[in-house]
Structure formats: C-alpha cells, structure tokens
Amino acid sequence: MSGAWTTISAIAAGALCSARRYFRWIQQDHYLPPGRASWSFARMAPWAIAYVPTGCLASLHGCRVHVDYHGCIADQWPQRLMWVQNLDLNEYGEANNIVILYPQAKGDSRTGTGCWNWGFPKDDTLFDTKMSAQLLTVMNMLDELPRTLELAQELPFGEGPPSSRAPVVVRLDEDGYQKGVDVDLQVMSLSS
C-alpha cells in the first residue's frame, strides 16, 4: 500500500513527468465567428494559450485535447500565466499526450473582469448555447487545431503574449470592446 501511495504522490508532484517549458500563443480573434444579430460583444482576450506535449509535437494524430475554461481572473497576463502554469494540467497532458487549450475570456464590469459570459443575453442572446460567440470561437480553434497550432508562436513559460501580431481590423465600442470583427484573414468556421 505504501508503494502505491508513493507512486501516486510522485505523479501528483510531477516527479515522474515534467511538462515542456513552452506554451503556444494563439490569436483568438482570428477564430471569432462572423458578426451576426445574436451577439454584439465577444469579450474575448486577443490570445489563447495552448500546451502541446512532447508526444504531440511531430503529429497530433493519436493526441487528445482538453479545454480548460478559467474562472473569473484578472485581465493581466501574469495572473493568467500563473493559472496555466500551476494547475498541473500541463504535466497531465505531457504524461497522456493531451493538448491543453486555455481559451481566454476578457469579460467586463458587467460580466465580471476576466469572466466568461454565463448569463448576459444583452451581449449574446445565445450565450448559453453552443452557438454563442465565445463557444464558437473555441470550437473554431478546435476544428482547425493542427493549423491553429502551426500558426501559433511558441514561447517559454513565464513570457506574456507575443508583441508582434498579424494585421487584424477590429471595430471597438466606446468602452474598447469588440463590437464585431472584420478580419483580413479567412475566419475559420464550424464544419457541419
């Protein structure tokens, strides 16, 4: 019994499998669905983070994906990075060939800073369905995951989002939030 407990403790501590020290940064705004009458504000941060385990670097074939939806969290990258680095999900992904996707909601003073839209139909009448702007953005990233990860920039743990970005034209409301999106690249869509 004590041998099994030692093994479980070692796995929990990450002693048997440590995560790679790099994240992939994904430009989420490239995956926003086209604007439509159901939503006016996506309230998504510009970047999502992905952890790609060593066994999935050459090919995603045979790898699974876990999406981690953060709770309400400060709209600053140091706190968000602390979240994704300290959950031990990356170590779990490394040990089991699971890509960990960390989409990032921005929120606002109404929905809560850094919160997902769990109850504000004024921003998105479909907020509680799989057709909401936020969930469609995540689904679009997942539908194109190999390409998404190929286009993502990989940086070491502890570094914030990349400073250089592909040109994207975003219309903002008076509070600086995305009103609708005009992207100069093709917007990925859900496959039927």
C-alpha atoms as a PDB file:
ATOM      1  CA  MET A   1       0.000   0.000   0.000  1.00  0.00           C
ATOM      2  CA  SER A   2       2.753   2.466   0.865  1.00  0.00           C
ATOM      3  CA  GLY A   3       4.468   1.781  -2.504  1.00  0.00           C
ATOM      4  CA  ALA A   4       1.290   2.680  -4.391  1.00  0.00           C
ATOM      5  CA  TRP A   5       0.871   5.838  -2.311  1.00  0.00           C
ATOM      6  CA  THR A   6       4.483   6.834  -3.045  1.00  0.00           C
ATOM      7  CA  THR A   7       3.864   6.408  -6.787  1.00  0.00           C
ATOM      8  CA  ILE A   8       0.639   8.439  -6.661  1.00  0.00           C
ATOM      9  CA  SER A   9       2.363  11.155  -4.640  1.00  0.00           C
ATOM     10  CA  ALA A  10       5.258  11.264  -7.121  1.00  0.00           C
ATOM     11  CA  ILE A  11       2.866  11.603 -10.068  1.00  0.00           C
ATOM     12  CA  ALA A  12       0.914  14.343  -8.292  1.00  0.00           C
ATOM     13  CA  ALA A  13       4.152  16.194  -7.587  1.00  0.00           C
ATOM     14  CA  GLY A  14       5.172  15.920 -11.260  1.00  0.00           C
ATOM     15  CA  ALA A  15       8.274  13.894 -10.362  1.00  0.00           C
ATOM     16  CA  LEU A  16       7.595  11.228 -12.987  1.00  0.00           C
ATOM     17  CA  CYS A  17       6.621  13.539 -15.836  1.00  0.00           C
ATOM     18  CA  SER A  18       7.519  17.168 -16.129  1.00  0.00           C
ATOM     19  CA  ALA A  19       5.914  19.448 -18.687  1.00  0.00           C
ATOM     20  CA  ARG A  20       7.769  21.105 -21.521  1.00  0.00           C
ATOM     21  CA  ARG A  21       8.688  24.676 -20.643  1.00  0.00           C
ATOM     22  CA  TYR A  22       6.877  26.268 -23.613  1.00  0.00           C
ATOM     23  CA  PHE A  23       3.385  27.479 -24.496  1.00  0.00           C
ATOM     24  CA  ARG A  24       1.853  28.145 -27.899  1.00  0.00           C
ATOM     25  CA  TRP A  25       0.124  31.525 -28.246  1.00  0.00           C
ATOM     26  CA  ILE A  26      -2.967  31.525 -30.476  1.00  0.00           C
ATOM     27  CA  GLN A  27      -4.545  34.682 -31.850  1.00  0.00           C
ATOM     28  CA  GLN A  28      -8.136  34.060 -30.763  1.00  0.00           C
ATOM     29  CA  ASP A  29      -9.589  36.931 -32.748  1.00  0.00           C
ATOM     30  CA  HIS A  30      -8.809  35.011 -35.953  1.00  0.00           C
ATOM     31  CA  TYR A  31     -11.339  32.398 -34.841  1.00  0.00           C
ATOM     32  CA  LEU A  32     -14.241  34.634 -33.829  1.00  0.00           C
ATOM     33  CA  PRO A  33     -17.382  33.780 -35.792  1.00  0.00           C
ATOM     34  CA  PRO A  34     -18.627  36.390 -38.237  1.00  0.00           C
ATOM     35  CA  GLY A  35     -20.726  39.063 -36.543  1.00  0.00           C
ATOM     36  CA  ARG A  36     -24.455  38.423 -36.507  1.00  0.00           C
ATOM     37  CA  ALA A  37     -27.570  39.704 -34.810  1.00  0.00           C
ATOM     38  CA  SER A  38     -27.284  37.306 -31.851  1.00  0.00           C
ATOM     39  CA  TRP A  39     -24.127  38.898 -30.429  1.00  0.00           C
ATOM     40  CA  SER A  40     -22.595  42.321 -30.162  1.00  0.00           C
ATOM     41  CA  PHE A  41     -19.661  41.743 -27.785  1.00  0.00           C
ATOM     42  CA  ALA A  42     -17.491  38.626 -27.720  1.00  0.00           C
ATOM     43  CA  ARG A  43     -15.413  39.848 -24.756  1.00  0.00           C
ATOM     44  CA  MET A  44     -12.509  37.567 -25.619  1.00  0.00           C
ATOM     45  CA  ALA A  45      -8.852  38.346 -24.930  1.00  0.00           C
ATOM     46  CA  PRO A  46      -6.702  38.555 -28.057  1.00  0.00           C
ATOM     47  CA  TRP A  47      -4.692  35.444 -27.146  1.00  0.00           C
ATOM     48  CA  ALA A  48      -5.388  31.851 -26.155  1.00  0.00           C
ATOM     49  CA  ILE A  49      -2.660  29.622 -24.736  1.00  0.00           C
ATOM     50  CA  ALA A  50      -2.007  26.004 -25.655  1.00  0.00           C
ATOM     51  CA  TYR A  51       0.277  23.431 -24.109  1.00  0.00           C
ATOM     52  CA  VAL A  52       1.493  20.854 -26.637  1.00  0.00           C
ATOM     53  CA  PRO A  53       3.101  17.764 -25.056  1.00  0.00           C
ATOM     54  CA  THR A  54       6.301  16.291 -26.469  1.00  0.00           C
ATOM     55  CA  GLY A  55       4.444  13.279 -27.897  1.00  0.00           C
ATOM     56  CA  CYS A  56       2.215  15.582 -29.966  1.00  0.00           C
ATOM     57  CA  LEU A  57       4.859  17.912 -31.432  1.00  0.00           C
ATOM     58  CA  ALA A  58       5.520  15.940 -34.622  1.00  0.00           C
ATOM     59  CA  SER A  59       1.886  14.990 -35.207  1.00  0.00           C
ATOM     60  CA  LEU A  60      -1.410  15.432 -33.408  1.00  0.00           C
ATOM     61  CA  HIS A  61      -2.558  12.012 -34.623  1.00  0.00           C
ATOM     62  CA  GLY A  62      -3.418   9.969 -31.546  1.00  0.00           C
ATOM     63  CA  CYS A  63      -3.395  13.013 -29.260  1.00  0.00           C
ATOM     64  CA  ARG A  64      -6.448  14.153 -27.370  1.00  0.00           C
ATOM     65  CA  VAL A  65      -7.456  17.688 -26.377  1.00  0.00           C
ATOM     66  CA  HIS A  66      -8.647  19.141 -23.083  1.00  0.00           C
ATOM     67  CA  VAL A  67     -10.148  22.654 -22.986  1.00  0.00           C
ATOM     68  CA  ASP A  68      -9.709  24.483 -19.683  1.00  0.00           C
ATOM     69  CA  TYR A  69     -12.201  27.314 -19.145  1.00  0.00           C
ATOM     70  CA  HIS A  70     -10.713  29.573 -16.483  1.00  0.00           C
ATOM     71  CA  GLY A  71     -12.798  31.152 -13.760  1.00  0.00           C
ATOM     72  CA  CYS A  72     -13.056  34.913 -13.410  1.00  0.00           C
ATOM     73  CA  ILE A  73      -9.439  36.042 -13.393  1.00  0.00           C
ATOM     74  CA  ALA A  74      -7.568  39.327 -13.539  1.00  0.00           C
ATOM     75  CA  ASP A  75      -7.256  40.727 -17.025  1.00  0.00           C
ATOM     76  CA  GLN A  76      -3.468  40.767 -16.750  1.00  0.00           C
ATOM     77  CA  TRP A  77      -1.119  38.181 -18.220  1.00  0.00           C
ATOM     78  CA  PRO A  78       0.986  37.497 -15.087  1.00  0.00           C
ATOM     79  CA  GLN A  79      -2.098  36.200 -13.236  1.00  0.00           C
ATOM     80  CA  ARG A  80      -3.315  34.227 -16.253  1.00  0.00           C
ATOM     81  CA  LEU A  81       0.105  32.649 -16.735  1.00  0.00           C
ATOM     82  CA  MET A  82       0.220  31.716 -13.066  1.00  0.00           C
ATOM     83  CA  TRP A  83      -3.132  29.959 -13.619  1.00  0.00           C
ATOM     84  CA  VAL A  84      -1.992  27.896 -16.616  1.00  0.00           C
ATOM     85  CA  GLN A  85       1.407  27.048 -15.117  1.00  0.00           C
ATOM     86  CA  ASN A  86       0.212  25.875 -11.707  1.00  0.00           C
ATOM     87  CA  LEU A  87      -2.797  23.637 -12.351  1.00  0.00           C
ATOM     88  CA  ASP A  88      -0.685  20.582 -13.207  1.00  0.00           C
ATOM     89  CA  LEU A  89      -2.795  20.124 -16.343  1.00  0.00           C
ATOM     90  CA  ASN A  90       0.324  20.537 -18.480  1.00  0.00           C
ATOM     91  CA  GLU A  91       2.040  17.675 -16.615  1.00  0.00           C
ATOM     92  CA  TYR A  92      -1.079  15.543 -17.023  1.00  0.00           C
ATOM     93  CA  GLY A  93      -1.152  16.405 -20.740  1.00  0.00           C
ATOM     94  CA  GLU A  94       2.539  15.552 -21.094  1.00  0.00           C
ATOM     95  CA  ALA A  95       2.049  12.161 -19.426  1.00  0.00           C
ATOM     96  CA  ASN A  96      -1.010  11.295 -21.533  1.00  0.00           C
ATOM     97  CA  ASN A  97      -0.445  13.020 -24.907  1.00  0.00           C
ATOM     98  CA  ILE A  98      -3.221  15.537 -24.321  1.00  0.00           C
ATOM     99  CA  VAL A  99      -3.017  19.036 -25.794  1.00  0.00           C
ATOM    100  CA  ILE A 100      -4.306  21.545 -23.235  1.00  0.00           C
ATOM    101  CA  LEU A 101      -6.118  24.547 -24.720  1.00  0.00           C
ATOM    102  CA  TYR A 102      -6.614  27.576 -22.481  1.00  0.00           C
ATOM    103  CA  PRO A 103      -9.002  29.971 -24.262  1.00  0.00           C
ATOM    104  CA  GLN A 104      -9.119  33.387 -22.611  1.00  0.00           C
ATOM    105  CA  ALA A 105     -12.254  35.429 -21.909  1.00  0.00           C
ATOM    106  CA  LYS A 106     -11.884  39.120 -21.203  1.00  0.00           C
ATOM    107  CA  GLY A 107     -15.184  39.925 -19.519  1.00  0.00           C
ATOM    108  CA  ASP A 108     -16.036  43.426 -18.340  1.00  0.00           C
ATOM    109  CA  SER A 109     -17.537  45.241 -15.370  1.00  0.00           C
ATOM    110  CA  ARG A 110     -20.971  43.669 -16.019  1.00  0.00           C
ATOM    111  CA  THR A 111     -19.958  40.065 -16.662  1.00  0.00           C
ATOM    112  CA  GLY A 112     -17.028  40.311 -14.279  1.00  0.00           C
ATOM    113  CA  THR A 113     -13.406  41.032 -15.087  1.00  0.00           C
ATOM    114  CA  GLY A 114     -11.915  38.096 -16.921  1.00  0.00           C
ATOM    115  CA  CYS A 115     -15.191  36.134 -16.827  1.00  0.00           C
ATOM    116  CA  TRP A 116     -16.878  34.045 -19.471  1.00  0.00           C
ATOM    117  CA  ASN A 117     -20.395  35.108 -20.434  1.00  0.00           C
ATOM    118  CA  TRP A 118     -22.505  32.760 -18.315  1.00  0.00           C
ATOM    119  CA  GLY A 119     -25.569  34.976 -18.101  1.00  0.00           C
ATOM    120  CA  PHE A 120     -25.677  38.149 -20.190  1.00  0.00           C
ATOM    121  CA  PRO A 121     -28.051  37.885 -23.146  1.00  0.00           C
ATOM    122  CA  LYS A 122     -27.570  41.601 -23.918  1.00  0.00           C
ATOM    123  CA  ASP A 123     -24.041  40.758 -25.159  1.00  0.00           C
ATOM    124  CA  ASP A 124     -25.030  37.487 -26.816  1.00  0.00           C
ATOM    125  CA  THR A 125     -28.590  36.166 -26.930  1.00  0.00           C
ATOM    126  CA  LEU A 126     -27.164  32.683 -27.493  1.00  0.00           C
ATOM    127  CA  PHE A 127     -24.711  32.942 -24.548  1.00  0.00           C
ATOM    128  CA  ASP A 128     -25.924  29.673 -23.007  1.00  0.00           C
ATOM    129  CA  THR A 129     -25.763  27.596 -26.181  1.00  0.00           C
ATOM    130  CA  LYS A 130     -23.050  26.074 -28.334  1.00  0.00           C
ATOM    131  CA  MET A 131     -23.835  28.827 -30.856  1.00  0.00           C
ATOM    132  CA  SER A 132     -22.580  31.623 -28.579  1.00  0.00           C
ATOM    133  CA  ALA A 133     -19.756  33.786 -29.909  1.00  0.00           C
ATOM    134  CA  GLN A 134     -17.376  32.617 -27.185  1.00  0.00           C
ATOM    135  CA  LEU A 135     -18.008  28.890 -27.578  1.00  0.00           C
ATOM    136  CA  LEU A 136     -17.958  29.147 -31.381  1.00  0.00           C
ATOM    137  CA  THR A 137     -14.550  30.812 -31.120  1.00  0.00           C
ATOM    138  CA  VAL A 138     -13.257  27.848 -29.102  1.00  0.00           C
ATOM    139  CA  MET A 139     -14.892  25.348 -31.482  1.00  0.00           C
ATOM    140  CA  ASN A 140     -13.324  27.128 -34.466  1.00  0.00           C
ATOM    141  CA  MET A 141      -9.880  26.797 -32.858  1.00  0.00           C
ATOM    142  CA  LEU A 142     -10.510  23.098 -32.207  1.00  0.00           C
ATOM    143  CA  ASP A 143     -11.864  22.424 -35.717  1.00  0.00           C
ATOM    144  CA  GLU A 144      -8.624  23.760 -37.175  1.00  0.00           C
ATOM    145  CA  LEU A 145      -6.326  22.569 -34.372  1.00  0.00           C
ATOM    146  CA  PRO A 146      -3.367  21.353 -36.475  1.00  0.00           C
ATOM    147  CA  ARG A 147      -3.351  24.630 -38.438  1.00  0.00           C
ATOM    148  CA  THR A 148      -4.096  26.643 -35.295  1.00  0.00           C
ATOM    149  CA  LEU A 149      -1.047  25.203 -33.532  1.00  0.00           C
ATOM    150  CA  GLU A 150       1.109  25.536 -36.650  1.00  0.00           C
ATOM    151  CA  LEU A 151       0.360  29.278 -36.810  1.00  0.00           C
ATOM    152  CA  ALA A 152       0.795  29.773 -33.069  1.00  0.00           C
ATOM    153  CA  GLN A 153       4.021  31.234 -31.740  1.00  0.00           C
ATOM    154  CA  GLU A 154       5.829  29.149 -29.125  1.00  0.00           C
ATOM    155  CA  LEU A 155       7.430  30.990 -26.218  1.00  0.00           C
ATOM    156  CA  PRO A 156       8.991  29.856 -22.927  1.00  0.00           C
ATOM    157  CA  PHE A 157       6.920  29.635 -19.723  1.00  0.00           C
ATOM    158  CA  GLY A 158       6.656  32.941 -17.935  1.00  0.00           C
ATOM    159  CA  GLU A 159       6.626  35.128 -21.030  1.00  0.00           C
ATOM    160  CA  GLY A 160       3.493  37.026 -21.934  1.00  0.00           C
ATOM    161  CA  PRO A 161       1.856  37.106 -25.351  1.00  0.00           C
ATOM    162  CA  PRO A 162       3.953  37.822 -28.433  1.00  0.00           C
ATOM    163  CA  SER A 163       4.368  41.506 -29.213  1.00  0.00           C
ATOM    164  CA  SER A 164       4.063  41.212 -32.982  1.00  0.00           C
ATOM    165  CA  ARG A 165       0.687  40.347 -34.433  1.00  0.00           C
ATOM    166  CA  ALA A 166      -0.685  39.755 -37.902  1.00  0.00           C
ATOM    167  CA  PRO A 167      -2.800  42.713 -39.026  1.00  0.00           C
ATOM    168  CA  VAL A 168      -6.384  42.411 -37.833  1.00  0.00           C
ATOM    169  CA  VAL A 169      -9.023  45.120 -38.131  1.00  0.00           C
ATOM    170  CA  VAL A 170     -11.327  45.138 -35.105  1.00  0.00           C
ATOM    171  CA  ARG A 171     -14.235  47.516 -34.558  1.00  0.00           C
ATOM    172  CA  LEU A 172     -14.483  48.577 -30.923  1.00  0.00           C
ATOM    173  CA  ASP A 173     -17.347  50.060 -28.953  1.00  0.00           C
ATOM    174  CA  GLU A 174     -16.941  53.165 -26.791  1.00  0.00           C
ATOM    175  CA  ASP A 175     -15.534  51.041 -23.930  1.00  0.00           C
ATOM    176  CA  GLY A 176     -12.888  49.467 -26.148  1.00  0.00           C
ATOM    177  CA  TYR A 177     -14.579  46.074 -26.509  1.00  0.00           C
ATOM    178  CA  GLN A 178     -15.055  44.151 -29.729  1.00  0.00           C
ATOM    179  CA  LYS A 179     -18.313  45.082 -31.400  1.00  0.00           C
ATOM    180  CA  GLY A 180     -17.998  42.846 -34.424  1.00  0.00           C
ATOM    181  CA  VAL A 181     -14.957  41.635 -36.233  1.00  0.00           C
ATOM    182  CA  ASP A 182     -13.579  42.290 -39.680  1.00  0.00           C
ATOM    183  CA  VAL A 183     -10.558  40.067 -40.089  1.00  0.00           C
ATOM    184  CA  ASP A 184      -8.254  40.362 -43.064  1.00  0.00           C
ATOM    185  CA  LEU A 185      -7.669  36.600 -42.898  1.00  0.00           C
ATOM    186  CA  GLN A 186     -10.250  33.902 -43.538  1.00  0.00           C
ATOM    187  CA  VAL A 187     -12.408  33.299 -40.469  1.00  0.00           C
ATOM    188  CA  MET A 188     -12.475  29.620 -39.604  1.00  0.00           C
ATOM    189  CA  SER A 189     -15.990  28.223 -39.321  1.00  0.00           C
ATOM    190  CA  LEU A 190     -17.585  25.165 -37.789  1.00  0.00           C
ATOM    191  CA  SER A 191     -17.880  22.229 -40.112  1.00  0.00           C
ATOM    192  CA  SER A 192     -21.390  20.877 -40.481  1.00  0.00           C
END
